[in-house]
Amino acid sequence: MRTSKCDIVIVGVGGQGVILISEIIGRAALKAGLPVRAAETHGMAQRGGSVINHTRLGCIYGPMVPEGGADLLVALEPAEALRYGRYLSSGGVALVNTKPVLPTTVTTGHFRYPDIEEILAPLRGVGRVISMNATEIAERAGNSQTANIVMLGAMSRFMPIEEALILDALRDSVPAKYLDVNLKAFELGKAEVSG
């Protein structure tokens, strides 16, 4: 039995803007009159550690998306998609940024970072996978730090919230001097995903 309209799991590493995306979605959901529940774990986020956010739209119950329950799995970092792939529901959509953030264990030669195909293959066995280099797309928008907003634009195609409300929430959440580049990043991300 479904207990929400849309269950979303957003993952990445500290500094990528996972929490900002969740806040924007939450604001947009409230503007749409949808109850929203969210929870995140970001213990070592300031040191580039793993960050996971659960956002449940139209849900009046708990904030945690069950394993195998995410309609959308959004990974700002590809290895995090592999780490949290167990949340993707059968037939769900995984949006994956293909630009890795290499941990020190990889940059020092102690471990090997998996090939992108090794990351995406298990997800393809569960649901639809849409991969893009959101960091490169964000650079085209004018600032590589807007990769999270590129992913938000792609996500907008799959959420039960009107785009205008998401954009209003984006305007409410981003400092005015960065608004134009974020709006451009949103549009470029949306354009990456066919309707």
N, C-alpha and C. Protein backbone atom coordinates (compact mmCIF):
# COMPACT_ATOMS: atom_id res chain seq x y z
N MET A 1 0.84 -1.19 0.00
CA MET A 1 0.00 0.00 0.00
C MET A 1 0.88 1.25 0.00
N ARG A 2 0.63 2.15 -0.94
CA ARG A 2 1.38 3.40 -1.01
C ARG A 2 0.98 4.31 0.14
N THR A 3 1.97 4.98 0.70
CA THR A 3 1.68 5.94 1.77
C THR A 3 2.12 7.35 1.39
N SER A 4 2.50 7.54 0.12
CA SER A 4 2.90 8.87 -0.35
C SER A 4 2.66 8.96 -1.85
N LYS A 5 2.71 10.19 -2.38
CA LYS A 5 2.59 10.37 -3.83
C LYS A 5 3.91 10.11 -4.54
N CYS A 6 5.00 10.48 -3.88
CA CYS A 6 6.32 10.33 -4.50
C CYS A 6 7.37 10.25 -3.41
N ASP A 7 8.16 9.19 -3.45
CA ASP A 7 9.26 9.00 -2.49
C ASP A 7 10.58 9.24 -3.21
N ILE A 8 11.40 10.11 -2.62
CA ILE A 8 12.65 10.52 -3.25
C ILE A 8 13.81 10.29 -2.28
N VAL A 9 14.89 9.72 -2.80
CA VAL A 9 16.14 9.62 -2.04
C VAL A 9 17.19 10.37 -2.84
N ILE A 10 17.83 11.34 -2.18
CA ILE A 10 18.86 12.17 -2.80
C ILE A 10 20.17 11.88 -2.07
N VAL A 11 21.22 11.56 -2.83
CA VAL A 11 22.50 11.21 -2.22
C VAL A 11 23.63 11.97 -2.88
N GLY A 12 24.71 12.11 -2.14
CA GLY A 12 25.91 12.78 -2.65
C GLY A 12 26.95 12.80 -1.56
N VAL A 13 27.90 13.70 -1.71
CA VAL A 13 28.90 13.90 -0.66
C VAL A 13 28.81 15.34 -0.18
N GLY A 14 29.39 15.59 0.98
CA GLY A 14 29.32 16.91 1.59
C GLY A 14 29.74 18.01 0.63
N GLY A 15 28.98 19.08 0.60
CA GLY A 15 29.29 20.22 -0.23
C GLY A 15 28.64 20.21 -1.60
N GLN A 16 27.95 19.14 -1.95
CA GLN A 16 27.33 19.07 -3.27
C GLN A 16 25.93 19.67 -3.33
N GLY A 17 25.33 19.98 -2.21
CA GLY A 17 24.02 20.62 -2.22
C GLY A 17 22.84 19.69 -2.11
N VAL A 18 23.04 18.51 -1.54
CA VAL A 18 21.94 17.56 -1.34
C VAL A 18 20.84 18.20 -0.49
N ILE A 19 21.23 18.84 0.61
CA ILE A 19 20.25 19.41 1.54
C ILE A 19 19.51 20.57 0.87
N LEU A 20 20.20 21.38 0.08
CA LEU A 20 19.53 22.49 -0.61
C LEU A 20 18.44 21.97 -1.54
N ILE A 21 18.73 20.92 -2.31
CA ILE A 21 17.70 20.35 -3.19
C ILE A 21 16.48 19.94 -2.36
N SER A 22 16.72 19.27 -1.26
CA SER A 22 15.61 18.82 -0.42
C SER A 22 14.79 19.99 0.11
N GLU A 23 15.48 21.05 0.52
CA GLU A 23 14.77 22.23 1.02
C GLU A 23 13.91 22.86 -0.07
N ILE A 24 14.43 22.94 -1.28
CA ILE A 24 13.67 23.51 -2.40
C ILE A 24 12.44 22.65 -2.68
N ILE A 25 12.63 21.34 -2.73
CA ILE A 25 11.50 20.44 -2.98
C ILE A 25 10.46 20.58 -1.87
N GLY A 26 10.92 20.63 -0.63
CA GLY A 26 10.00 20.79 0.49
C GLY A 26 9.18 22.06 0.40
N ARG A 27 9.84 23.17 0.08
CA ARG A 27 9.12 24.45 -0.08
C ARG A 27 8.11 24.37 -1.21
N ALA A 28 8.52 23.77 -2.32
CA ALA A 28 7.61 23.65 -3.47
C ALA A 28 6.42 22.77 -3.12
N ALA A 29 6.65 21.70 -2.40
CA ALA A 29 5.56 20.80 -1.99
C ALA A 29 4.56 21.54 -1.12
N LEU A 30 5.06 22.33 -0.17
CA LEU A 30 4.16 23.09 0.69
C LEU A 30 3.35 24.10 -0.11
N LYS A 31 4.00 24.75 -1.09
CA LYS A 31 3.28 25.69 -1.97
C LYS A 31 2.18 24.97 -2.75
N ALA A 32 2.42 23.68 -3.06
CA ALA A 32 1.44 22.88 -3.80
C ALA A 32 0.37 22.29 -2.89
N GLY A 33 0.52 22.50 -1.59
CA GLY A 33 -0.45 21.95 -0.64
C GLY A 33 -0.23 20.49 -0.32
N LEU A 34 0.95 19.98 -0.65
CA LEU A 34 1.28 18.57 -0.37
C LEU A 34 1.98 18.46 0.98
N PRO A 35 1.54 17.55 1.83
CA PRO A 35 2.33 17.29 3.03
C PRO A 35 3.69 16.74 2.61
N VAL A 36 4.71 17.10 3.33
CA VAL A 36 6.06 16.63 3.01
C VAL A 36 6.76 16.21 4.29
N ARG A 37 7.51 15.13 4.19
CA ARG A 37 8.31 14.64 5.30
C ARG A 37 9.72 14.44 4.76
N ALA A 38 10.71 14.82 5.55
CA ALA A 38 12.10 14.67 5.10
C ALA A 38 13.01 14.35 6.27
N ALA A 39 14.08 13.66 5.97
CA ALA A 39 15.11 13.34 6.96
C ALA A 39 16.42 13.17 6.22
N GLU A 40 17.51 13.51 6.88
CA GLU A 40 18.81 13.32 6.25
C GLU A 40 19.85 12.85 7.24
N THR A 41 20.88 12.26 6.70
CA THR A 41 22.04 11.87 7.47
C THR A 41 23.25 12.50 6.80
N HIS A 42 24.00 13.25 7.56
CA HIS A 42 25.16 13.92 6.98
C HIS A 42 26.28 14.05 8.01
N GLY A 43 26.63 12.93 8.62
CA GLY A 43 27.62 12.91 9.69
C GLY A 43 28.96 13.54 9.35
N MET A 44 29.64 13.05 8.33
CA MET A 44 30.96 13.57 7.96
C MET A 44 30.89 14.45 6.72
N ALA A 45 29.74 15.06 6.49
CA ALA A 45 29.53 15.82 5.26
C ALA A 45 30.55 16.93 5.08
N GLN A 46 30.96 17.59 6.16
CA GLN A 46 31.92 18.68 6.03
C GLN A 46 33.28 18.19 5.56
N ARG A 47 33.53 16.93 5.66
CA ARG A 47 34.80 16.37 5.21
C ARG A 47 34.62 15.55 3.93
N GLY A 48 33.58 15.83 3.18
CA GLY A 48 33.35 15.13 1.93
C GLY A 48 32.71 13.77 2.10
N GLY A 49 32.14 13.52 3.27
CA GLY A 49 31.50 12.24 3.54
C GLY A 49 30.14 12.11 2.89
N SER A 50 29.59 10.95 3.00
CA SER A 50 28.31 10.61 2.39
C SER A 50 27.15 11.39 3.01
N VAL A 51 26.23 11.83 2.16
CA VAL A 51 25.01 12.52 2.60
C VAL A 51 23.83 11.81 1.93
N ILE A 52 22.82 11.49 2.72
CA ILE A 52 21.59 10.90 2.17
C ILE A 52 20.41 11.67 2.72
N ASN A 53 19.47 11.97 1.83
CA ASN A 53 18.25 12.67 2.21
C ASN A 53 17.05 11.86 1.73
N HIS A 54 16.07 11.73 2.59
CA HIS A 54 14.79 11.10 2.25
C HIS A 54 13.75 12.21 2.19
N THR A 55 13.02 12.31 1.10
CA THR A 55 11.93 13.29 0.98
C THR A 55 10.70 12.55 0.48
N ARG A 56 9.62 12.68 1.24
CA ARG A 56 8.37 11.99 0.90
C ARG A 56 7.29 13.04 0.64
N LEU A 57 6.78 13.06 -0.58
CA LEU A 57 5.76 14.03 -0.97
C LEU A 57 4.38 13.42 -0.83
N GLY A 58 3.47 14.19 -0.24
CA GLY A 58 2.10 13.70 -0.05
C GLY A 58 2.02 12.61 0.99
N CYS A 59 2.92 12.65 1.95
CA CYS A 59 2.98 11.60 2.97
C CYS A 59 2.64 12.18 4.33
N ILE A 60 1.80 11.47 5.07
CA ILE A 60 1.47 11.92 6.42
C ILE A 60 2.11 11.02 7.47
N TYR A 61 2.89 10.05 7.02
CA TYR A 61 3.54 9.12 7.93
C TYR A 61 5.01 9.52 8.11
N GLY A 62 5.86 8.58 8.43
CA GLY A 62 7.26 8.86 8.72
C GLY A 62 8.05 9.37 7.53
N PRO A 63 9.22 9.97 7.81
CA PRO A 63 10.02 10.58 6.76
C PRO A 63 10.95 9.63 6.00
N MET A 64 11.14 8.42 6.49
CA MET A 64 12.13 7.53 5.87
C MET A 64 11.53 6.74 4.72
N VAL A 65 12.19 6.82 3.58
CA VAL A 65 11.79 6.01 2.42
C VAL A 65 12.29 4.59 2.68
N PRO A 66 11.43 3.59 2.57
CA PRO A 66 11.91 2.22 2.79
C PRO A 66 12.81 1.76 1.64
N GLU A 67 13.69 0.82 1.94
CA GLU A 67 14.50 0.22 0.88
C GLU A 67 13.57 -0.36 -0.17
N GLY A 68 13.89 -0.11 -1.44
CA GLY A 68 13.05 -0.57 -2.54
C GLY A 68 11.81 0.30 -2.73
N GLY A 69 11.76 1.46 -2.09
CA GLY A 69 10.57 2.30 -2.15
C GLY A 69 10.73 3.63 -2.85
N ALA A 70 11.93 3.98 -3.31
CA ALA A 70 12.15 5.30 -3.91
C ALA A 70 11.67 5.34 -5.36
N ASP A 71 10.73 6.23 -5.62
CA ASP A 71 10.31 6.48 -7.00
C ASP A 71 11.44 7.16 -7.76
N LEU A 72 12.19 7.99 -7.04
CA LEU A 72 13.34 8.70 -7.61
C LEU A 72 14.55 8.50 -6.71
N LEU A 73 15.64 8.04 -7.28
CA LEU A 73 16.93 8.02 -6.61
C LEU A 73 17.79 9.01 -7.36
N VAL A 74 18.23 10.05 -6.69
CA VAL A 74 19.01 11.11 -7.33
C VAL A 74 20.39 11.12 -6.71
N ALA A 75 21.41 10.87 -7.53
CA ALA A 75 22.78 10.79 -7.04
C ALA A 75 23.62 11.91 -7.64
N LEU A 76 24.08 12.81 -6.77
CA LEU A 76 24.96 13.89 -7.22
C LEU A 76 26.39 13.38 -7.42
N GLU A 77 26.67 12.20 -6.90
CA GLU A 77 27.98 11.56 -7.04
C GLU A 77 27.73 10.10 -7.39
N PRO A 78 28.39 9.58 -8.44
CA PRO A 78 28.03 8.25 -8.93
C PRO A 78 28.23 7.10 -7.94
N ALA A 79 29.31 7.08 -7.18
CA ALA A 79 29.51 5.97 -6.24
C ALA A 79 28.43 5.95 -5.17
N GLU A 80 27.88 7.11 -4.85
CA GLU A 80 26.79 7.17 -3.87
C GLU A 80 25.53 6.51 -4.44
N ALA A 81 25.36 6.55 -5.76
CA ALA A 81 24.23 5.84 -6.40
C ALA A 81 24.37 4.35 -6.15
N LEU A 82 25.59 3.85 -6.26
CA LEU A 82 25.83 2.43 -6.02
C LEU A 82 25.62 2.09 -4.54
N ARG A 83 26.12 2.94 -3.67
CA ARG A 83 25.99 2.71 -2.22
C ARG A 83 24.53 2.65 -1.78
N TYR A 84 23.69 3.52 -2.36
CA TYR A 84 22.30 3.62 -1.92
C TYR A 84 21.30 3.10 -2.95
N GLY A 85 21.77 2.36 -3.93
CA GLY A 85 20.90 1.81 -4.96
C GLY A 85 19.78 0.94 -4.42
N ARG A 86 19.97 0.38 -3.24
CA ARG A 86 18.94 -0.49 -2.64
C ARG A 86 17.63 0.24 -2.37
N TYR A 87 17.66 1.57 -2.39
CA TYR A 87 16.43 2.33 -2.16
C TYR A 87 15.56 2.44 -3.41
N LEU A 88 16.14 2.27 -4.59
CA LEU A 88 15.38 2.42 -5.83
C LEU A 88 14.28 1.37 -5.93
N SER A 89 13.08 1.83 -6.25
CA SER A 89 11.96 0.89 -6.41
C SER A 89 12.00 0.25 -7.78
N SER A 90 11.39 -0.90 -7.88
CA SER A 90 11.26 -1.57 -9.17
C SER A 90 10.46 -0.65 -10.08
N GLY A 91 11.04 -0.29 -11.20
CA GLY A 91 10.38 0.64 -12.11
C GLY A 91 10.60 2.10 -11.77
N GLY A 92 11.38 2.38 -10.72
CA GLY A 92 11.69 3.76 -10.35
C GLY A 92 12.70 4.36 -11.32
N VAL A 93 13.04 5.62 -11.08
CA VAL A 93 13.99 6.34 -11.93
C VAL A 93 15.21 6.72 -11.10
N ALA A 94 16.39 6.38 -11.62
CA ALA A 94 17.65 6.81 -11.01
C ALA A 94 18.27 7.88 -11.89
N LEU A 95 18.46 9.06 -11.33
CA LEU A 95 19.15 10.15 -12.02
C LEU A 95 20.55 10.23 -11.42
N VAL A 96 21.57 10.04 -12.26
CA VAL A 96 22.93 9.92 -11.74
C VAL A 96 23.86 10.91 -12.43
N ASN A 97 24.52 11.75 -11.63
CA ASN A 97 25.59 12.60 -12.13
C ASN A 97 26.81 11.71 -12.31
N THR A 98 27.39 11.71 -13.50
CA THR A 98 28.50 10.80 -13.80
C THR A 98 29.87 11.36 -13.40
N LYS A 99 29.91 12.58 -12.90
CA LYS A 99 31.19 13.19 -12.50
C LYS A 99 31.53 12.77 -11.07
N PRO A 100 32.58 11.96 -10.89
CA PRO A 100 32.91 11.50 -9.54
C PRO A 100 33.62 12.56 -8.70
N VAL A 101 33.46 12.44 -7.40
CA VAL A 101 34.26 13.17 -6.43
C VAL A 101 35.14 12.10 -5.79
N LEU A 102 36.40 12.10 -6.17
CA LEU A 102 37.29 11.02 -5.75
C LEU A 102 37.69 11.16 -4.28
N PRO A 103 37.45 10.11 -3.49
CA PRO A 103 37.87 10.15 -2.08
C PRO A 103 39.38 10.01 -1.97
N THR A 104 39.92 10.40 -0.82
CA THR A 104 41.37 10.33 -0.64
C THR A 104 41.90 8.90 -0.75
N THR A 105 41.09 7.92 -0.43
CA THR A 105 41.54 6.53 -0.56
C THR A 105 41.81 6.17 -2.02
N VAL A 106 41.14 6.86 -2.94
CA VAL A 106 41.38 6.64 -4.37
C VAL A 106 42.54 7.51 -4.84
N THR A 107 42.55 8.78 -4.46
CA THR A 107 43.61 9.68 -4.93
C THR A 107 44.99 9.29 -4.40
N THR A 108 45.03 8.58 -3.28
CA THR A 108 46.31 8.11 -2.74
C THR A 108 46.69 6.72 -3.25
N GLY A 109 45.83 6.13 -4.09
CA GLY A 109 46.15 4.85 -4.70
C GLY A 109 45.80 3.62 -3.89
N HIS A 110 45.10 3.77 -2.79
CA HIS A 110 44.74 2.62 -1.95
C HIS A 110 43.54 1.83 -2.49
N PHE A 111 42.67 2.52 -3.20
CA PHE A 111 41.49 1.87 -3.76
C PHE A 111 41.27 2.36 -5.18
N ARG A 112 40.49 1.59 -5.93
CA ARG A 112 40.14 1.94 -7.30
C ARG A 112 38.70 2.41 -7.32
N TYR A 113 38.46 3.52 -8.01
CA TYR A 113 37.09 4.01 -8.17
C TYR A 113 36.42 3.16 -9.25
N PRO A 114 35.19 2.71 -9.02
CA PRO A 114 34.54 1.86 -10.03
C PRO A 114 34.26 2.62 -11.32
N ASP A 115 34.29 1.89 -12.43
CA ASP A 115 33.90 2.49 -13.71
C ASP A 115 32.43 2.86 -13.64
N ILE A 116 32.05 3.88 -14.38
CA ILE A 116 30.65 4.34 -14.37
C ILE A 116 29.71 3.20 -14.74
N GLU A 117 30.10 2.38 -15.69
CA GLU A 117 29.23 1.27 -16.09
C GLU A 117 29.03 0.27 -14.96
N GLU A 118 30.05 0.06 -14.13
CA GLU A 118 29.92 -0.82 -12.97
C GLU A 118 28.91 -0.26 -11.97
N ILE A 119 28.80 1.05 -11.93
CA ILE A 119 27.86 1.71 -11.02
C ILE A 119 26.44 1.65 -11.57
N LEU A 120 26.30 1.91 -12.87
CA LEU A 120 24.96 2.01 -13.46
C LEU A 120 24.31 0.66 -13.71
N ALA A 121 25.09 -0.37 -14.01
CA ALA A 121 24.53 -1.68 -14.36
C ALA A 121 23.57 -2.24 -13.31
N PRO A 122 23.92 -2.26 -12.03
CA PRO A 122 22.97 -2.79 -11.04
C PRO A 122 21.67 -1.98 -10.96
N LEU A 123 21.77 -0.68 -11.17
CA LEU A 123 20.58 0.17 -11.14
C LEU A 123 19.67 -0.14 -12.32
N ARG A 124 20.28 -0.40 -13.49
CA ARG A 124 19.49 -0.73 -14.69
C ARG A 124 18.68 -2.00 -14.49
N GLY A 125 19.14 -2.87 -13.62
CA GLY A 125 18.40 -4.09 -13.34
C GLY A 125 17.16 -3.86 -12.50
N VAL A 126 17.01 -2.65 -11.98
CA VAL A 126 15.89 -2.34 -11.10
C VAL A 126 14.91 -1.36 -11.75
N GLY A 127 15.44 -0.30 -12.34
CA GLY A 127 14.57 0.74 -12.89
C GLY A 127 15.21 1.44 -14.07
N ARG A 128 14.66 2.58 -14.41
CA ARG A 128 15.16 3.41 -15.51
C ARG A 128 16.33 4.24 -14.99
N VAL A 129 17.43 4.26 -15.73
CA VAL A 129 18.60 5.03 -15.33
C VAL A 129 18.83 6.14 -16.34
N ILE A 130 18.95 7.35 -15.83
CA ILE A 130 19.28 8.51 -16.65
C ILE A 130 20.57 9.08 -16.08
N SER A 131 21.63 9.03 -16.87
CA SER A 131 22.92 9.53 -16.40
C SER A 131 23.32 10.74 -17.22
N MET A 132 24.00 11.66 -16.55
CA MET A 132 24.47 12.88 -17.20
C MET A 132 25.64 13.43 -16.41
N ASN A 133 26.51 14.17 -17.08
CA ASN A 133 27.57 14.86 -16.37
C ASN A 133 27.01 16.22 -15.94
N ALA A 134 26.33 16.23 -14.80
CA ALA A 134 25.67 17.45 -14.32
C ALA A 134 26.68 18.54 -14.01
N THR A 135 27.89 18.17 -13.66
CA THR A 135 28.92 19.16 -13.35
C THR A 135 29.31 19.92 -14.61
N GLU A 136 29.49 19.19 -15.70
CA GLU A 136 29.81 19.82 -16.98
C GLU A 136 28.64 20.69 -17.46
N ILE A 137 27.43 20.21 -17.30
CA ILE A 137 26.24 20.98 -17.68
C ILE A 137 26.17 22.25 -16.84
N ALA A 138 26.47 22.15 -15.56
CA ALA A 138 26.48 23.32 -14.68
C ALA A 138 27.52 24.34 -15.12
N GLU A 139 28.67 23.86 -15.60
CA GLU A 139 29.69 24.77 -16.12
C GLU A 139 29.16 25.53 -17.32
N ARG A 140 28.38 24.87 -18.16
CA ARG A 140 27.75 25.56 -19.30
C ARG A 140 26.77 26.62 -18.82
N ALA A 141 26.13 26.37 -17.68
CA ALA A 141 25.21 27.36 -17.11
C ALA A 141 25.97 28.55 -16.55
N GLY A 142 27.24 28.34 -16.22
CA GLY A 142 28.05 29.44 -15.71
C GLY A 142 28.70 29.20 -14.36
N ASN A 143 28.40 28.05 -13.71
CA ASN A 143 29.00 27.79 -12.40
C ASN A 143 28.86 26.29 -12.08
N SER A 144 29.99 25.61 -11.96
CA SER A 144 29.96 24.16 -11.70
C SER A 144 29.30 23.82 -10.37
N GLN A 145 29.20 24.79 -9.47
CA GLN A 145 28.57 24.56 -8.17
C GLN A 145 27.05 24.39 -8.28
N THR A 146 26.49 24.63 -9.46
CA THR A 146 25.04 24.48 -9.64
C THR A 146 24.66 23.10 -10.18
N ALA A 147 25.57 22.14 -10.09
CA ALA A 147 25.26 20.78 -10.56
C ALA A 147 24.03 20.22 -9.84
N ASN A 148 23.86 20.58 -8.57
CA ASN A 148 22.68 20.11 -7.84
C ASN A 148 21.40 20.66 -8.45
N ILE A 149 21.44 21.88 -8.94
CA ILE A 149 20.25 22.48 -9.54
C ILE A 149 20.01 21.90 -10.94
N VAL A 150 21.08 21.51 -11.64
CA VAL A 150 20.91 20.76 -12.90
C VAL A 150 20.11 19.50 -12.60
N MET A 151 20.49 18.80 -11.54
CA MET A 151 19.79 17.57 -11.17
C MET A 151 18.35 17.86 -10.74
N LEU A 152 18.13 18.98 -10.06
CA LEU A 152 16.77 19.37 -9.68
C LEU A 152 15.92 19.60 -10.93
N GLY A 153 16.49 20.23 -11.95
CA GLY A 153 15.77 20.43 -13.21
C GLY A 153 15.37 19.10 -13.83
N ALA A 154 16.30 18.14 -13.82
CA ALA A 154 15.98 16.80 -14.34
C ALA A 154 14.90 16.14 -13.49
N MET A 155 15.00 16.28 -12.18
CA MET A 155 14.01 15.70 -11.26
C MET A 155 12.61 16.25 -11.49
N SER A 156 12.54 17.51 -11.89
CA SER A 156 11.24 18.17 -12.03
C SER A 156 10.33 17.44 -13.01
N ARG A 157 10.91 16.69 -13.92
CA ARG A 157 10.12 15.93 -14.89
C ARG A 157 9.36 14.77 -14.25
N PHE A 158 9.77 14.39 -13.04
CA PHE A 158 9.22 13.19 -12.41
C PHE A 158 8.48 13.44 -11.10
N MET A 159 8.45 14.67 -10.64
CA MET A 159 7.80 14.98 -9.36
C MET A 159 6.38 15.50 -9.58
N PRO A 160 5.46 15.19 -8.66
CA PRO A 160 4.07 15.64 -8.79
C PRO A 160 3.87 17.07 -8.28
N ILE A 161 4.77 17.96 -8.71
CA ILE A 161 4.71 19.37 -8.32
C ILE A 161 4.88 20.19 -9.59
N GLU A 162 4.05 21.21 -9.76
CA GLU A 162 4.16 22.07 -10.93
C GLU A 162 5.53 22.74 -10.98
N GLU A 163 6.07 22.84 -12.18
CA GLU A 163 7.39 23.45 -12.35
C GLU A 163 7.42 24.87 -11.80
N ALA A 164 6.36 25.64 -12.01
CA ALA A 164 6.33 27.03 -11.53
C ALA A 164 6.55 27.09 -10.02
N LEU A 165 6.01 26.13 -9.29
CA LEU A 165 6.16 26.12 -7.84
C LEU A 165 7.59 25.75 -7.43
N ILE A 166 8.20 24.85 -8.20
CA ILE A 166 9.60 24.50 -7.94
C ILE A 166 10.49 25.72 -8.18
N LEU A 167 10.21 26.44 -9.26
CA LEU A 167 11.00 27.64 -9.57
C LEU A 167 10.78 28.72 -8.52
N ASP A 168 9.55 28.88 -8.03
CA ASP A 168 9.30 29.84 -6.94
C ASP A 168 10.12 29.47 -5.71
N ALA A 169 10.13 28.19 -5.38
CA ALA A 169 10.90 27.72 -4.22
C ALA A 169 12.40 27.93 -4.44
N LEU A 170 12.87 27.74 -5.67
CA LEU A 170 14.27 27.99 -6.00
C LEU A 170 14.59 29.47 -5.77
N ARG A 171 13.72 30.34 -6.25
CA ARG A 171 13.92 31.78 -6.06
C ARG A 171 13.97 32.15 -4.57
N ASP A 172 13.15 31.48 -3.77
CA ASP A 172 13.13 31.73 -2.33
C ASP A 172 14.37 31.21 -1.62
N SER A 173 15.08 30.28 -2.24
CA SER A 173 16.16 29.55 -1.56
C SER A 173 17.57 29.99 -1.94
N VAL A 174 17.70 30.68 -3.07
CA VAL A 174 19.02 31.01 -3.60
C VAL A 174 19.24 32.52 -3.49
N PRO A 175 20.42 32.96 -3.07
CA PRO A 175 20.69 34.40 -3.03
C PRO A 175 20.49 35.04 -4.41
N ALA A 176 19.97 36.25 -4.42
CA ALA A 176 19.62 36.93 -5.68
C ALA A 176 20.78 36.98 -6.67
N LYS A 177 22.00 37.18 -6.17
CA LYS A 177 23.13 37.31 -7.10
C LYS A 177 23.45 35.99 -7.83
N TYR A 178 22.93 34.86 -7.32
CA TYR A 178 23.16 33.57 -7.97
C TYR A 178 21.91 33.02 -8.66
N LEU A 179 20.85 33.80 -8.67
CA LEU A 179 19.59 33.29 -9.18
C LEU A 179 19.65 32.97 -10.67
N ASP A 180 20.18 33.88 -11.49
CA ASP A 180 20.18 33.65 -12.94
C ASP A 180 20.93 32.38 -13.33
N VAL A 181 22.10 32.16 -12.75
CA VAL A 181 22.88 30.96 -13.10
C VAL A 181 22.15 29.70 -12.63
N ASN A 182 21.46 29.78 -11.49
CA ASN A 182 20.69 28.63 -11.01
C ASN A 182 19.48 28.35 -11.89
N LEU A 183 18.81 29.39 -12.35
CA LEU A 183 17.67 29.19 -13.25
C LEU A 183 18.13 28.57 -14.57
N LYS A 184 19.28 29.01 -15.06
CA LYS A 184 19.82 28.43 -16.30
C LYS A 184 20.19 26.97 -16.07
N ALA A 185 20.81 26.67 -14.93
CA ALA A 185 21.18 25.29 -14.61
C ALA A 185 19.93 24.41 -14.55
N PHE A 186 18.87 24.92 -13.94
CA PHE A 186 17.61 24.18 -13.85
C PHE A 186 17.09 23.83 -15.24
N GLU A 187 17.06 24.82 -16.12
CA GLU A 187 16.55 24.61 -17.49
C GLU A 187 17.41 23.61 -18.25
N LEU A 188 18.73 23.69 -18.11
CA LEU A 188 19.61 22.75 -18.80
C LEU A 188 19.41 21.33 -18.28
N GLY A 189 19.21 21.19 -16.99
CA GLY A 189 18.95 19.86 -16.42
C GLY A 189 17.64 19.28 -16.91
N LYS A 190 16.62 20.12 -16.95
CA LYS A 190 15.31 19.68 -17.43
C LYS A 190 15.41 19.24 -18.89
N ALA A 191 16.20 19.97 -19.68
CA ALA A 191 16.35 19.66 -21.11
C ALA A 191 17.07 18.33 -21.34
N GLU A 192 17.84 17.86 -20.35
CA GLU A 192 18.56 16.59 -20.48
C GLU A 192 17.64 15.38 -20.43
N VAL A 193 16.44 15.58 -19.92
CA VAL A 193 15.50 14.47 -19.71
C VAL A 193 14.33 14.62 -20.65
N SER A 194 14.09 13.61 -21.46
CA SER A 194 12.92 13.65 -22.33
C SER A 194 11.67 13.42 -21.49
N GLY A 195 10.60 14.10 -21.85
CA GLY A 195 9.36 14.05 -21.08
C GLY A 195 8.72 12.77 -20.98
